[in-house]
Amino acid sequence: MKYFSRKSQAGTASEKLSNDLRTILDSINDGVFTVDEQFHITSFNRAAAEIIGITPEEAMGRPCWQVFNADICEGACALKETMATGSPLANKHVNIHTSTRRKVSISVSTALLRNHSGDVVGGVESFRDLTVVEELRKAAEGRATFQHMTSTNHRMREIFELLPLIAESNSTVLIQGESGTGKELMARAIHELSARARKPLVALNCGALPDTLLEAELFGHKAGAFTDAKRDRKGRLAAAEGGTLFLDEIGDISPALQVRLLRVLQERTYEPLGSSDPVKANVRFIAATHRDLRTEVAEGRFREDLFYRLNVMQIAIPPLRERREDIPALARRFLERQIALHGKPIQGFSPEAMDLLMRHTWPGNIRELENAVEHACVLCRHDQIQASELPSTFGGALIGPGRAQESAPSRDIRSQELAMIQAALERHGGNRTAAARELGIHTTTLWRKLKPR
């Protein structure tokens, strides 16, 4: 194992790490290192080497402060405090400088290292790279994109703030939201922020398969379990071992399958079809549904005990019609993707086309917006997407100049538009040109929308 020395280069450590321990330490995402009583490094795992940017051989035997160059090394060293007081520290936030002089924010935990006799022979420190969390903090302060998701909506930003905390736990998560709101993207973000990120994220749409096939897909089967079972086949649970299993449309599963899934969540074991031997499941569960599961429970279609097993941590994604301020940025993002695919020289959306997008009710949410942009990009013959190039279902949303009066829904949309424009103006210190550019509309359109009606 190249990440560990068989003998302390500092010559003070009296015990060797076992091969099993080395394997365990190399398999985790957190950096871990040990020091002797003079704070010379005696072991250095794979994740520590990757985060710091040096080889384990370069770290071995050196004082830890030379390797980490942290902002607490000279005065408030966490490991030194633990060695002096005997008290472990947990999740202390510090900044370090890597071998390439890059500043990295990490979370540090420390403890004493003892031999078999109980004597202190050094200390151990684990640390986690908080770069992604720092990116989230910046997103919460005004940036629109986080983990492949785009939003400046306050409800979405609250979710973004919670995601790292949810990801750090191993708790089951229930994501609720209408179809097309990005539930799988949210599940992927949780997985990628978690300690299971290096293991698979396996998805299964529970609403797309009949019950018998769904059970075989989930649990796998042994040869001969049913007519077409010619050989053993692993299920999605086995495929997700060590990682995350995402069960989409969990509200659609049958009562019989609900019972089997409840057992997996309770006991963390399952039996493949045709087998009576239980298999352990080291899997983090994330479930999603467009249904209101509380209503499903009240009406007897979903087991209450399963609901509470799934609903440990809940995320409710708002529909696109309730976060209209995100439409311009999302539309631009989808347009850029289409331009990259098709190479069309499209600069953006005409004011009339953006009006249509802003006024649409979006029953299909973000998925519908992506499809609408792709449709318009295919038909576009100019340097801007025109209103006529959007799908025909958008035609009735535009309020023309000859219309006598606005309906109540239109007035509600106008109030949302004004709130979105005012928020953009505040972000840009009243600069209307910059606000219009952010919203993806022409400056004259912004002026017109601000005029009282």
Protein backbone atom coordinates (compact mmCIF):
# COMPACT_ATOMS: atom_id res chain seq x y z
CA MET A 1 0.00 0.00 0.00
CA LYS A 2 1.80 3.04 -1.24
CA TYR A 3 -0.07 5.49 0.95
CA PHE A 4 1.38 4.25 4.23
CA SER A 5 4.84 3.60 5.57
CA ARG A 6 5.42 0.20 7.21
CA LYS A 7 7.63 1.94 9.72
CA SER A 8 7.38 5.49 11.00
CA GLN A 9 9.93 7.65 9.21
CA ALA A 10 10.13 9.77 12.36
CA GLY A 11 11.15 6.65 14.27
CA THR A 12 8.78 7.23 17.21
CA ALA A 13 5.61 5.28 16.34
CA SER A 14 5.73 1.85 17.98
CA GLU A 15 2.90 0.14 16.13
CA LYS A 16 2.12 -0.55 12.50
CA LEU A 17 -1.27 0.00 10.92
CA SER A 18 -2.89 -3.24 9.87
CA ASN A 19 -3.62 -3.96 6.23
CA ASP A 20 -7.34 -3.94 7.00
CA LEU A 21 -7.13 -0.48 8.56
CA ARG A 22 -5.14 0.83 5.63
CA THR A 23 -7.77 -0.47 3.22
CA ILE A 24 -10.55 1.13 5.25
CA LEU A 25 -8.80 4.50 5.45
CA ASP A 26 -8.04 4.47 1.73
CA SER A 27 -11.69 3.78 0.92
CA ILE A 28 -13.13 6.89 2.58
CA ASN A 29 -13.45 10.37 1.11
CA ASP A 30 -12.15 12.22 4.19
CA GLY A 31 -8.44 12.91 4.55
CA VAL A 32 -6.90 11.11 7.54
CA PHE A 33 -3.36 11.33 8.92
CA THR A 34 -1.62 10.44 12.17
CA VAL A 35 1.31 12.07 13.97
CA ASP A 36 3.69 11.03 16.70
CA GLU A 37 4.20 13.01 19.92
CA GLN A 38 6.49 15.48 18.10
CA PHE A 39 3.79 16.08 15.44
CA HIS A 40 5.68 14.30 12.69
CA ILE A 41 3.37 12.56 10.21
CA THR A 42 3.34 8.77 10.58
CA SER A 43 0.53 7.87 8.13
CA PHE A 44 -1.29 9.64 5.33
CA ASN A 45 -4.30 8.21 3.47
CA ARG A 46 -5.25 8.51 -0.21
CA ALA A 47 -7.87 11.26 0.26
CA ALA A 48 -5.41 13.39 2.28
CA ALA A 49 -2.88 13.07 -0.53
CA GLU A 50 -5.43 14.11 -3.16
CA ILE A 51 -6.72 17.12 -1.20
CA ILE A 52 -3.28 18.46 -0.30
CA GLY A 53 -1.74 17.66 -3.66
CA ILE A 54 1.39 15.83 -2.56
CA THR A 55 2.36 12.17 -2.47
CA PRO A 56 2.19 10.29 0.83
CA GLU A 57 5.93 9.71 0.62
CA GLU A 58 6.50 13.48 0.57
CA ALA A 59 4.34 13.91 3.68
CA MET A 60 5.77 11.06 5.76
CA GLY A 61 8.04 12.12 8.61
CA ARG A 62 7.54 15.85 8.11
CA PRO A 63 6.00 18.13 10.77
CA CYS A 64 2.30 18.40 10.02
CA TRP A 65 2.39 22.22 9.90
CA GLN A 66 4.79 22.09 6.97
CA VAL A 67 2.44 19.87 5.00
CA PHE A 68 -0.81 21.69 5.76
CA ASN A 69 0.20 25.32 6.16
CA ALA A 70 -3.14 26.05 7.83
CA ASP A 71 -4.24 29.39 9.24
CA ILE A 72 -4.34 27.82 12.75
CA CYS A 73 -0.93 26.10 12.70
CA GLU A 74 0.97 28.84 14.47
CA GLY A 75 -1.48 29.65 17.22
CA ALA A 76 -4.64 27.57 17.63
CA CYS A 77 -3.68 24.18 16.19
CA ALA A 78 -6.58 21.77 16.72
CA LEU A 79 -4.33 18.71 16.94
CA LYS A 80 -1.99 20.42 19.42
CA GLU A 81 -4.97 21.35 21.59
CA THR A 82 -6.19 17.74 21.61
CA MET A 83 -2.70 16.45 22.46
CA ALA A 84 -2.44 18.95 25.32
CA THR A 85 -5.93 18.51 26.82
CA GLY A 86 -6.84 14.96 25.79
CA SER A 87 -10.16 16.23 24.48
CA PRO A 88 -11.16 15.49 20.87
CA LEU A 89 -12.37 18.29 18.59
CA ALA A 90 -15.04 17.94 15.92
CA ASN A 91 -15.80 19.88 12.73
CA LYS A 92 -13.56 22.88 13.26
CA HIS A 93 -13.45 25.01 10.12
CA VAL A 94 -9.98 26.10 9.00
CA ASN A 95 -8.22 27.14 5.78
CA ILE A 96 -5.17 25.37 4.39
CA HIS A 97 -2.87 26.02 1.45
CA THR A 98 -2.21 23.10 -0.90
CA SER A 99 1.06 22.32 -2.65
CA THR A 100 -0.10 24.50 -5.57
CA ARG A 101 -0.78 27.42 -3.19
CA ARG A 102 -4.53 27.00 -3.62
CA LYS A 103 -6.53 28.01 -0.55
CA VAL A 104 -8.95 25.28 0.55
CA SER A 105 -11.54 25.40 3.30
CA ILE A 106 -11.68 22.19 5.35
CA SER A 107 -13.53 20.82 8.39
CA VAL A 108 -11.15 19.26 10.95
CA SER A 109 -11.73 16.64 13.66
CA THR A 110 -9.02 15.38 16.01
CA ALA A 111 -8.45 12.65 18.61
CA LEU A 112 -5.64 11.03 20.58
CA LEU A 113 -3.82 7.97 19.25
CA ARG A 114 -3.13 5.31 21.88
CA ASN A 115 -1.29 1.98 21.87
CA HIS A 116 -2.61 -1.32 23.24
CA SER A 117 -1.53 -0.30 26.75
CA GLY A 118 -3.56 2.90 26.59
CA ASP A 119 -0.52 5.16 26.41
CA VAL A 120 -0.72 8.20 24.16
CA VAL A 121 1.63 7.74 21.20
CA GLY A 122 0.36 10.55 18.98
CA GLY A 123 -2.75 12.00 17.46
CA VAL A 124 -5.09 11.49 14.51
CA GLU A 125 -6.77 14.15 12.42
CA SER A 126 -9.48 13.75 9.79
CA PHE A 127 -10.53 16.53 7.48
CA ARG A 128 -13.13 17.13 4.78
CA ASP A 129 -12.81 19.39 1.75
CA LEU A 130 -15.51 22.08 2.07
CA THR A 131 -14.98 23.56 -1.39
CA VAL A 132 -18.45 22.51 -2.53
CA VAL A 133 -20.00 23.93 0.63
CA GLU A 134 -18.21 27.22 0.01
CA GLU A 135 -19.59 27.27 -3.51
CA LEU A 136 -23.05 26.77 -2.03
CA ARG A 137 -22.54 29.68 0.35
CA LYS A 138 -21.66 31.91 -2.57
CA ALA A 139 -24.71 30.64 -4.43
CA ALA A 140 -26.87 31.57 -1.45
CA GLU A 141 -25.38 35.06 -1.56
CA GLY A 142 -26.49 35.64 -5.13
CA ARG A 143 -25.06 33.11 -7.56
CA ALA A 144 -27.67 31.20 -9.49
CA THR A 145 -26.10 27.79 -10.14
CA PHE A 146 -25.39 24.97 -7.70
CA GLN A 147 -24.69 21.31 -8.49
CA HIS A 148 -26.20 21.57 -12.01
CA MET A 149 -29.29 23.37 -10.66
CA THR A 150 -30.11 26.98 -11.51
CA SER A 151 -32.20 29.23 -9.26
CA THR A 152 -32.29 32.60 -7.55
CA ASN A 153 -35.65 31.82 -5.92
CA HIS A 154 -35.56 32.21 -2.13
CA ARG A 155 -37.21 28.83 -1.52
CA MET A 156 -34.72 27.06 -3.76
CA ARG A 157 -31.80 28.88 -2.13
CA GLU A 158 -33.03 27.68 1.28
CA ILE A 159 -32.92 24.13 -0.10
CA PHE A 160 -29.41 24.73 -1.46
CA GLU A 161 -28.28 25.82 2.02
CA LEU A 162 -29.60 22.60 3.57
CA LEU A 163 -28.28 20.17 0.96
CA PRO A 164 -24.73 19.78 2.40
CA LEU A 165 -26.15 19.05 5.85
CA ILE A 166 -28.59 16.50 4.44
CA ALA A 167 -25.85 14.96 2.32
CA GLU A 168 -23.49 14.51 5.29
CA SER A 169 -26.00 12.29 7.07
CA ASN A 170 -26.99 8.79 6.01
CA SER A 171 -30.69 9.48 6.56
CA THR A 172 -33.38 8.57 4.05
CA VAL A 173 -34.63 11.55 2.03
CA LEU A 174 -38.06 12.11 0.50
CA ILE A 175 -38.19 14.62 -2.37
CA GLN A 176 -41.65 15.88 -3.28
CA GLY A 177 -42.50 17.97 -6.31
CA GLU A 178 -44.48 18.04 -9.52
CA SER A 179 -43.25 16.16 -12.58
CA GLY A 180 -40.45 17.98 -14.32
CA THR A 181 -39.25 20.04 -11.34
CA GLY A 182 -35.83 18.35 -11.16
CA LYS A 183 -36.23 15.75 -8.42
CA GLU A 184 -33.54 13.49 -9.89
CA LEU A 185 -31.13 16.44 -10.15
CA MET A 186 -31.74 17.08 -6.45
CA ALA A 187 -31.07 13.43 -5.63
CA ARG A 188 -27.86 13.53 -7.67
CA ALA A 189 -26.71 16.66 -5.83
CA ILE A 190 -27.24 14.93 -2.45
CA HIS A 191 -25.29 11.89 -3.62
CA GLU A 192 -22.41 13.93 -5.06
CA LEU A 193 -22.08 15.93 -1.83
CA SER A 194 -22.12 12.82 0.37
CA ALA A 195 -19.41 10.46 1.55
CA ARG A 196 -20.90 7.90 -0.87
CA ALA A 197 -20.05 10.01 -3.93
CA ARG A 198 -17.41 7.54 -5.19
CA LYS A 199 -19.93 4.72 -5.17
CA PRO A 200 -22.82 4.38 -7.64
CA LEU A 201 -26.02 6.38 -7.75
CA VAL A 202 -28.61 3.92 -9.09
CA ALA A 203 -32.05 5.16 -10.17
CA LEU A 204 -35.26 3.18 -10.54
CA ASN A 205 -38.55 4.66 -11.76
CA CYS A 206 -41.17 2.84 -9.72
CA GLY A 207 -44.03 4.16 -11.88
CA ALA A 208 -42.65 2.82 -15.17
CA LEU A 209 -42.82 -0.93 -14.49
CA PRO A 210 -45.53 -3.42 -13.51
CA ASP A 211 -45.27 -4.79 -10.01
CA THR A 212 -43.67 -8.15 -10.89
CA LEU A 213 -40.93 -6.59 -13.01
CA LEU A 214 -40.37 -3.81 -10.48
CA GLU A 215 -39.80 -6.35 -7.70
CA ALA A 216 -37.27 -8.27 -9.81
CA GLU A 217 -35.52 -5.03 -10.81
CA LEU A 218 -35.27 -3.90 -7.20
CA PHE A 219 -34.28 -7.11 -5.44
CA GLY A 220 -32.79 -9.19 -8.26
CA HIS A 221 -33.53 -12.88 -8.72
CA LYS A 222 -32.03 -16.35 -8.62
CA ALA A 223 -32.02 -18.68 -11.60
CA GLY A 224 -35.37 -20.46 -11.84
CA ALA A 225 -37.25 -17.90 -9.73
CA PHE A 226 -39.73 -17.53 -12.61
CA THR A 227 -40.13 -18.78 -16.18
CA ASP A 228 -37.62 -16.51 -17.91
CA ALA A 229 -35.07 -16.46 -15.08
CA LYS A 230 -32.29 -18.45 -16.79
CA ARG A 231 -29.51 -17.21 -14.51
CA ASP A 232 -28.91 -15.19 -11.37
CA ARG A 233 -29.35 -11.45 -11.83
CA LYS A 234 -28.40 -8.63 -9.46
CA GLY A 235 -31.08 -6.08 -8.64
CA ARG A 236 -30.77 -2.33 -8.26
CA LEU A 237 -30.20 -2.72 -4.51
CA ALA A 238 -27.10 -4.82 -5.15
CA ALA A 239 -25.93 -2.45 -7.90
CA ALA A 240 -26.15 0.49 -5.48
CA GLU A 241 -24.17 -1.26 -2.72
CA GLY A 242 -22.13 1.33 -0.84
CA GLY A 243 -23.81 4.13 -2.75
CA THR A 244 -27.27 5.62 -3.19
CA LEU A 245 -30.52 4.15 -4.51
CA PHE A 246 -32.92 6.71 -5.97
CA LEU A 247 -36.51 5.45 -6.08
CA ASP A 248 -38.48 7.81 -8.32
CA GLU A 249 -42.29 7.92 -8.15
CA ILE A 250 -42.30 5.91 -4.93
CA GLY A 251 -45.99 6.79 -4.46
CA ASP A 252 -46.92 4.47 -7.33
CA ILE A 253 -45.76 1.16 -5.83
CA SER A 254 -48.30 -1.50 -4.82
CA PRO A 255 -49.23 -2.34 -1.20
CA ALA A 256 -47.39 -5.69 -1.48
CA LEU A 257 -44.17 -4.05 -2.61
CA GLN A 258 -44.57 -1.39 0.08
CA VAL A 259 -44.34 -4.17 2.68
CA ARG A 260 -41.11 -5.54 1.20
CA LEU A 261 -39.55 -2.10 0.90
CA LEU A 262 -40.48 -1.30 4.51
CA ARG A 263 -38.53 -4.36 5.64
CA VAL A 264 -35.45 -3.23 3.71
CA LEU A 265 -35.62 0.21 5.32
CA GLN A 266 -36.12 -1.24 8.79
CA GLU A 267 -33.69 -4.15 8.75
CA ARG A 268 -31.31 -3.17 5.92
CA THR A 269 -31.64 -6.68 4.49
CA TYR A 270 -33.55 -8.14 1.55
CA GLU A 271 -34.03 -11.45 -0.27
CA PRO A 272 -33.66 -11.79 -4.05
CA LEU A 273 -36.61 -13.46 -5.75
CA GLY A 274 -36.29 -17.22 -5.49
CA SER A 275 -33.93 -17.05 -2.51
CA SER A 276 -34.51 -17.39 1.21
CA ASP A 277 -31.06 -16.14 2.17
CA PRO A 278 -31.06 -12.52 3.40
CA VAL A 279 -28.60 -10.09 1.84
CA LYS A 280 -27.33 -7.04 3.71
CA ALA A 281 -27.91 -3.67 2.02
CA ASN A 282 -25.40 -0.88 2.64
CA VAL A 283 -27.39 1.69 0.67
CA ARG A 284 -28.58 5.24 1.23
CA PHE A 285 -32.20 5.65 0.08
CA ILE A 286 -33.58 8.74 -1.65
CA ALA A 287 -37.21 8.57 -2.74
CA ALA A 288 -39.21 10.99 -4.87
CA THR A 289 -42.83 11.43 -5.78
CA HIS A 290 -45.20 13.90 -7.43
CA ARG A 291 -47.98 12.73 -5.12
CA ASP A 292 -48.90 14.13 -1.70
CA LEU A 293 -48.03 11.07 0.37
CA ARG A 294 -49.84 12.38 3.44
CA THR A 295 -53.04 12.39 1.41
CA GLU A 296 -52.21 8.94 0.04
CA VAL A 297 -51.79 7.69 3.61
CA ALA A 298 -55.04 9.31 4.76
CA GLU A 299 -56.93 7.67 1.88
CA GLY A 300 -55.39 4.25 2.54
CA ARG A 301 -53.27 3.94 -0.61
CA PHE A 302 -49.88 4.23 1.08
CA ARG A 303 -48.65 2.63 4.30
CA GLU A 304 -48.24 5.07 7.14
CA ASP A 305 -45.24 3.22 8.61
CA LEU A 306 -43.45 3.29 5.23
CA PHE A 307 -44.21 6.99 4.84
CA TYR A 308 -42.52 7.78 8.14
CA ARG A 309 -39.53 5.61 7.23
CA LEU A 310 -39.13 7.55 3.98
CA ASN A 311 -39.92 10.99 5.38
CA VAL A 312 -36.89 11.34 7.68
CA MET A 313 -35.64 14.34 5.69
CA GLN A 314 -38.08 16.03 3.31
CA ILE A 315 -37.37 18.38 0.41
CA ALA A 316 -40.29 20.10 -1.32
CA ILE A 317 -39.35 21.54 -4.72
CA PRO A 318 -41.57 24.45 -5.82
CA PRO A 319 -43.06 24.29 -9.34
CA LEU A 320 -41.70 26.63 -12.02
CA ARG A 321 -44.82 28.83 -11.96
CA GLU A 322 -43.92 29.74 -8.35
CA ARG A 323 -40.32 30.66 -9.23
CA ARG A 324 -40.76 32.69 -12.42
CA GLU A 325 -37.67 34.72 -11.66
CA ASP A 326 -35.68 31.62 -12.68
CA ILE A 327 -37.18 31.38 -16.18
CA PRO A 328 -34.75 33.76 -17.99
CA ALA A 329 -31.63 32.10 -16.57
CA LEU A 330 -32.97 28.58 -17.18
CA ALA A 331 -34.01 29.46 -20.72
CA ARG A 332 -30.57 30.89 -21.46
CA ARG A 333 -28.89 27.80 -20.02
CA PHE A 334 -31.00 25.46 -22.18
CA LEU A 335 -30.39 27.66 -25.23
CA GLU A 336 -26.63 27.53 -24.70
CA ARG A 337 -26.84 23.75 -24.56
CA GLN A 338 -28.76 23.64 -27.86
CA ILE A 339 -26.32 26.06 -29.51
CA ALA A 340 -23.46 23.78 -28.49
CA LEU A 341 -25.27 20.77 -29.96
CA HIS A 342 -26.47 22.34 -33.23
CA GLY A 343 -24.02 25.18 -33.77
CA LYS A 344 -26.67 27.78 -34.59
CA PRO A 345 -25.58 31.44 -34.14
CA ILE A 346 -28.49 32.38 -31.85
CA GLN A 347 -27.91 35.32 -29.52
CA GLY A 348 -30.95 34.97 -27.26
CA PHE A 349 -34.71 35.56 -27.12
CA SER A 350 -36.71 38.39 -28.62
CA PRO A 351 -38.69 40.48 -26.08
CA GLU A 352 -41.95 38.95 -27.36
CA ALA A 353 -40.61 35.39 -26.98
CA MET A 354 -39.42 36.10 -23.43
CA ASP A 355 -42.85 37.59 -22.67
CA LEU A 356 -44.44 34.32 -23.73
CA LEU A 357 -42.07 32.31 -21.57
CA MET A 358 -42.71 34.51 -18.55
CA ARG A 359 -46.50 34.34 -18.92
CA HIS A 360 -46.83 30.60 -19.53
CA THR A 361 -48.28 28.49 -16.69
CA TRP A 362 -45.70 25.67 -17.08
CA PRO A 363 -47.69 22.54 -16.23
CA GLY A 364 -44.62 20.52 -17.29
CA ASN A 365 -42.24 22.68 -15.25
CA ILE A 366 -38.51 22.79 -16.09
CA ARG A 367 -38.75 19.81 -18.44
CA GLU A 368 -41.39 21.63 -20.47
CA LEU A 369 -39.21 24.75 -20.62
CA GLU A 370 -36.24 22.72 -21.87
CA ASN A 371 -38.39 21.12 -24.57
CA ALA A 372 -39.83 24.51 -25.60
CA VAL A 373 -36.34 25.98 -26.00
CA GLU A 374 -35.19 22.99 -28.06
CA HIS A 375 -38.31 23.30 -30.27
CA ALA A 376 -37.66 27.00 -30.83
CA CYS A 377 -33.96 26.47 -31.50
CA VAL A 378 -34.71 23.94 -34.24
CA LEU A 379 -37.11 26.37 -35.98
CA CYS A 380 -35.08 29.53 -35.38
CA ARG A 381 -33.97 31.31 -38.60
CA HIS A 382 -32.71 34.55 -37.03
CA ASP A 383 -30.18 35.64 -34.45
CA GLN A 384 -32.93 35.66 -31.81
CA ILE A 385 -35.69 33.20 -31.02
CA GLN A 386 -39.03 34.71 -32.04
CA ALA A 387 -42.41 34.21 -30.37
CA SER A 388 -43.70 32.38 -33.45
CA GLU A 389 -40.95 29.76 -33.09
CA LEU A 390 -42.11 28.61 -29.65
CA PRO A 391 -44.58 25.68 -29.45
CA SER A 392 -48.14 26.52 -30.47
CA THR A 393 -49.38 25.98 -26.91
CA PHE A 394 -47.69 29.27 -25.98
CA GLY A 395 -49.75 31.39 -28.41
CA GLY A 396 -52.62 32.17 -26.07
CA ALA A 397 -50.36 33.42 -23.28
CA LEU A 398 -49.34 36.65 -24.99
CA ILE A 399 -51.44 39.67 -24.10
CA GLY A 400 -51.59 41.87 -27.17
CA PRO A 401 -51.93 45.65 -27.20
CA GLY A 402 -55.54 45.49 -28.34
CA ARG A 403 -56.77 43.58 -25.32
CA ALA A 404 -59.17 45.67 -23.27
CA GLN A 405 -58.31 44.49 -19.78
CA GLU A 406 -56.21 41.91 -18.00
CA SER A 407 -57.68 38.84 -16.35
CA ALA A 408 -56.99 38.09 -12.69
CA PRO A 409 -54.29 35.49 -13.51
CA SER A 410 -52.59 38.01 -15.81
CA ARG A 411 -52.55 40.61 -13.06
CA ASP A 412 -50.99 38.04 -10.76
CA ILE A 413 -48.31 37.26 -13.35
CA ARG A 414 -47.64 40.97 -13.79
CA SER A 415 -47.12 41.39 -10.04
CA GLN A 416 -44.63 38.49 -10.11
CA GLU A 417 -42.83 40.05 -13.08
CA LEU A 418 -42.55 43.38 -11.27
CA ALA A 419 -41.20 41.68 -8.15
CA MET A 420 -38.63 39.84 -10.26
CA ILE A 421 -37.56 43.06 -12.02
CA GLN A 422 -37.29 44.97 -8.74
CA ALA A 423 -35.12 42.17 -7.28
CA ALA A 424 -32.83 42.30 -10.33
CA LEU A 425 -32.59 46.10 -10.06
CA GLU A 426 -31.61 45.81 -6.39
CA ARG A 427 -28.87 43.29 -7.23
CA HIS A 428 -27.46 45.70 -9.82
CA GLY A 429 -27.78 48.89 -7.79
CA GLY A 430 -30.59 50.27 -9.96
CA ASN A 431 -28.72 49.72 -13.25
CA ARG A 432 -31.55 48.91 -15.66
CA THR A 433 -29.26 47.79 -18.48
CA ALA A 434 -27.55 45.23 -16.26
CA ALA A 435 -30.89 44.09 -14.81
CA ALA A 436 -32.35 43.62 -18.29
CA ARG A 437 -29.28 41.65 -19.37
CA GLU A 438 -29.65 39.33 -16.36
CA LEU A 439 -33.35 38.80 -17.07
CA GLY A 440 -32.73 38.11 -20.75
CA ILE A 441 -34.96 40.92 -22.00
CA HIS A 442 -34.31 44.12 -23.92
CA THR A 443 -33.89 47.35 -21.92
CA THR A 444 -36.95 48.88 -23.60
CA THR A 445 -39.00 45.87 -22.52
CA LEU A 446 -37.89 46.39 -18.94
CA TRP A 447 -38.84 50.09 -19.14
CA ARG A 448 -42.25 49.18 -20.57
CA LYS A 449 -42.94 46.62 -17.82
CA LEU A 450 -42.11 49.19 -15.15
CA LYS A 451 -44.66 51.70 -16.48
CA PRO A 452 -47.91 51.79 -14.45
CA ARG A 453 -50.97 50.40 -16.24
